[in-house]
Amino acid sequence: MHATSAADARSATGHLDHPSFDPGVLRCDAGGFALRACACNRCGTVSFPAREHCAKCHASAAAMDLPALGTVVSHCTSTFPIAGAVPPVHIAQVRLGDSGVEVLGVCSGAIGIGDPVAVVPRAVHSDDDHATAYGFEKVAGDA
């Protein structure tokens, strides 16, 4: 299994070429690309990935898109192969906007704590399957 860049995940028309690896985690449709979470209808807890019931109080929860921009709060570099990435692999824990949600993902390059990043699509391929996953790319300015 290997992954390609965000640019490679999009066709010449700018649309994603492959379906989401998991629609409960990642929305890929004509409306765009977004990580999916849920907000509890009772206590307001936001959980990732999206689920039908709150992880805290078990009340019903409504699906929502997470912010596309975030800030690196922790990171590491792996020198061992990870499915879909070639070493060295930069992995970041990112706080997405003001959602309170932190997500792990592969970064397209070296990053540091406090760096602003954007959630980007990553095309993931195996011999018989193609899907869209997510990762992060460093952006200029504040997240």
Protein backbone atom coordinates (compact mmCIF):
# COMPACT_ATOMS: atom_id res chain seq x y z
CA MET A 1 0.00 0.00 0.00
CA HIS A 2 1.30 3.45 -0.81
CA ALA A 3 0.07 7.02 -0.68
CA THR A 4 0.54 9.99 -2.91
CA SER A 5 0.41 13.72 -2.32
CA ALA A 6 -2.68 15.87 -1.95
CA ALA A 7 -2.27 17.05 -5.54
CA ASP A 8 -2.14 13.44 -6.75
CA ALA A 9 -5.36 12.66 -4.86
CA ARG A 10 -7.29 15.13 -7.03
CA SER A 11 -8.17 14.79 -10.68
CA ALA A 12 -7.51 17.51 -13.24
CA THR A 13 -10.95 18.94 -12.40
CA GLY A 14 -10.05 19.29 -8.71
CA HIS A 15 -12.34 16.45 -7.57
CA LEU A 16 -11.15 13.51 -5.50
CA ASP A 17 -10.56 10.49 -7.70
CA HIS A 18 -11.38 7.80 -5.12
CA PRO A 19 -13.99 7.28 -2.37
CA SER A 20 -13.22 7.78 1.30
CA PHE A 21 -11.43 4.94 3.05
CA ASP A 22 -14.15 5.28 5.75
CA PRO A 23 -17.14 7.65 5.33
CA GLY A 24 -17.53 7.84 9.13
CA VAL A 25 -14.07 9.42 9.36
CA LEU A 26 -13.73 11.31 6.10
CA ARG A 27 -16.29 12.96 3.82
CA CYS A 28 -15.32 13.02 0.12
CA ASP A 29 -18.09 14.21 -2.14
CA ALA A 30 -19.13 17.00 -4.48
CA GLY A 31 -19.30 19.29 -1.43
CA GLY A 32 -15.61 18.78 -0.71
CA PHE A 33 -13.35 16.97 1.68
CA ALA A 34 -13.59 17.02 5.50
CA LEU A 35 -12.87 14.97 8.59
CA ARG A 36 -16.15 13.90 10.24
CA ALA A 37 -16.91 14.15 13.95
CA CYS A 38 -20.11 14.27 15.97
CA ALA A 39 -21.51 16.63 18.56
CA CYS A 40 -23.65 15.26 21.38
CA ASN A 41 -27.22 16.55 21.37
CA ARG A 42 -27.28 16.47 25.20
CA CYS A 43 -23.86 17.37 26.63
CA GLY A 44 -22.19 18.95 23.57
CA THR A 45 -19.14 16.66 23.60
CA VAL A 46 -17.41 16.55 20.21
CA SER A 47 -15.97 13.13 19.29
CA PHE A 48 -13.83 11.91 16.41
CA PRO A 49 -14.61 9.90 14.41
CA ALA A 50 -18.35 10.46 14.00
CA ARG A 51 -20.68 8.00 15.72
CA GLU A 52 -24.39 7.73 16.38
CA HIS A 53 -24.14 8.13 20.16
CA CYS A 54 -22.02 10.32 22.43
CA ALA A 55 -18.85 8.68 23.73
CA LYS A 56 -19.37 10.45 27.08
CA CYS A 57 -23.10 10.23 27.93
CA HIS A 58 -24.46 7.89 25.20
CA ALA A 59 -27.15 10.35 24.03
CA SER A 60 -27.72 10.78 20.30
CA ALA A 61 -25.12 12.75 18.39
CA ALA A 62 -25.20 14.75 15.15
CA ALA A 63 -22.49 14.41 12.50
CA MET A 64 -20.41 17.50 11.73
CA ASP A 65 -17.37 18.49 9.69
CA LEU A 66 -14.22 19.39 11.61
CA PRO A 67 -12.22 22.53 10.83
CA ALA A 68 -9.78 22.17 7.92
CA LEU A 69 -6.99 24.07 9.71
CA GLY A 70 -5.18 23.17 12.90
CA THR A 71 -2.03 23.47 14.97
CA VAL A 72 0.62 20.81 15.62
CA VAL A 73 0.66 19.96 19.35
CA SER A 74 3.04 16.99 19.14
CA HIS A 75 4.98 15.16 16.45
CA CYS A 76 7.49 12.43 15.73
CA THR A 77 9.43 11.05 12.80
CA SER A 78 9.47 7.33 12.08
CA THR A 79 12.33 5.72 10.20
CA PHE A 80 10.30 2.53 9.79
CA PRO A 81 7.83 2.01 6.94
CA ILE A 82 4.20 2.79 7.71
CA ALA A 83 1.44 1.61 5.37
CA GLY A 84 1.03 4.25 2.69
CA ALA A 85 4.21 6.22 3.49
CA VAL A 86 7.93 5.94 2.79
CA PRO A 87 10.45 6.72 5.59
CA PRO A 88 11.15 9.12 7.04
CA VAL A 89 7.48 9.49 7.96
CA HIS A 90 6.47 12.66 9.81
CA ILE A 91 3.48 12.05 12.10
CA ALA A 92 1.67 14.90 13.84
CA GLN A 93 -0.95 15.27 16.53
CA VAL A 94 -3.02 18.25 15.41
CA ARG A 95 -5.63 20.30 17.31
CA LEU A 96 -8.26 21.18 14.71
CA GLY A 97 -9.43 24.79 15.04
CA ASP A 98 -11.46 25.43 18.19
CA SER A 99 -13.26 22.05 18.02
CA GLY A 100 -11.31 20.59 20.94
CA VAL A 101 -10.50 17.56 18.75
CA GLU A 102 -6.93 16.36 18.25
CA VAL A 103 -6.14 13.99 15.38
CA LEU A 104 -3.07 12.00 14.36
CA GLY A 105 -1.95 11.98 10.75
CA VAL A 106 0.97 11.77 8.37
CA CYS A 107 2.50 15.10 7.29
CA SER A 108 3.88 15.83 3.85
CA GLY A 109 7.14 17.17 5.32
CA ALA A 110 8.99 18.06 8.51
CA ILE A 111 6.90 19.97 11.07
CA GLY A 112 7.29 21.43 14.55
CA ILE A 113 5.10 22.14 17.56
CA GLY A 114 2.96 25.22 16.93
CA ASP A 115 3.11 24.93 13.13
CA PRO A 116 -0.17 25.67 11.32
CA VAL A 117 -1.31 22.80 9.11
CA ALA A 118 -4.22 22.01 6.80
CA VAL A 119 -6.06 18.71 6.47
CA VAL A 120 -5.41 17.42 2.95
CA PRO A 121 -6.54 14.38 0.95
CA ARG A 122 -4.06 11.57 0.36
CA ALA A 123 -4.68 8.94 -2.30
CA VAL A 124 -3.94 5.50 -0.83
CA HIS A 125 -3.41 2.57 -3.19
CA SER A 126 -2.98 -1.14 -2.85
CA ASP A 127 -2.80 -3.70 -5.65
CA ASP A 128 -6.58 -3.98 -5.93
CA ASP A 129 -8.01 -0.94 -4.18
CA HIS A 130 -7.85 2.86 -4.31
CA ALA A 131 -9.19 5.19 -1.64
CA THR A 132 -8.83 8.68 -0.27
CA ALA A 133 -7.37 9.10 3.20
CA TYR A 134 -6.20 12.26 4.97
CA GLY A 135 -2.96 13.83 6.11
CA PHE A 136 -1.57 17.26 6.90
CA GLU A 137 0.44 19.89 5.06
CA LYS A 138 2.18 22.84 6.67
CA VAL A 139 0.64 26.21 5.75
CA ALA A 140 1.92 29.76 5.99
CA GLY A 141 0.27 32.00 8.59
CA ASP A 142 -1.87 31.14 11.61
CA ALA A 143 -4.24 28.15 11.84
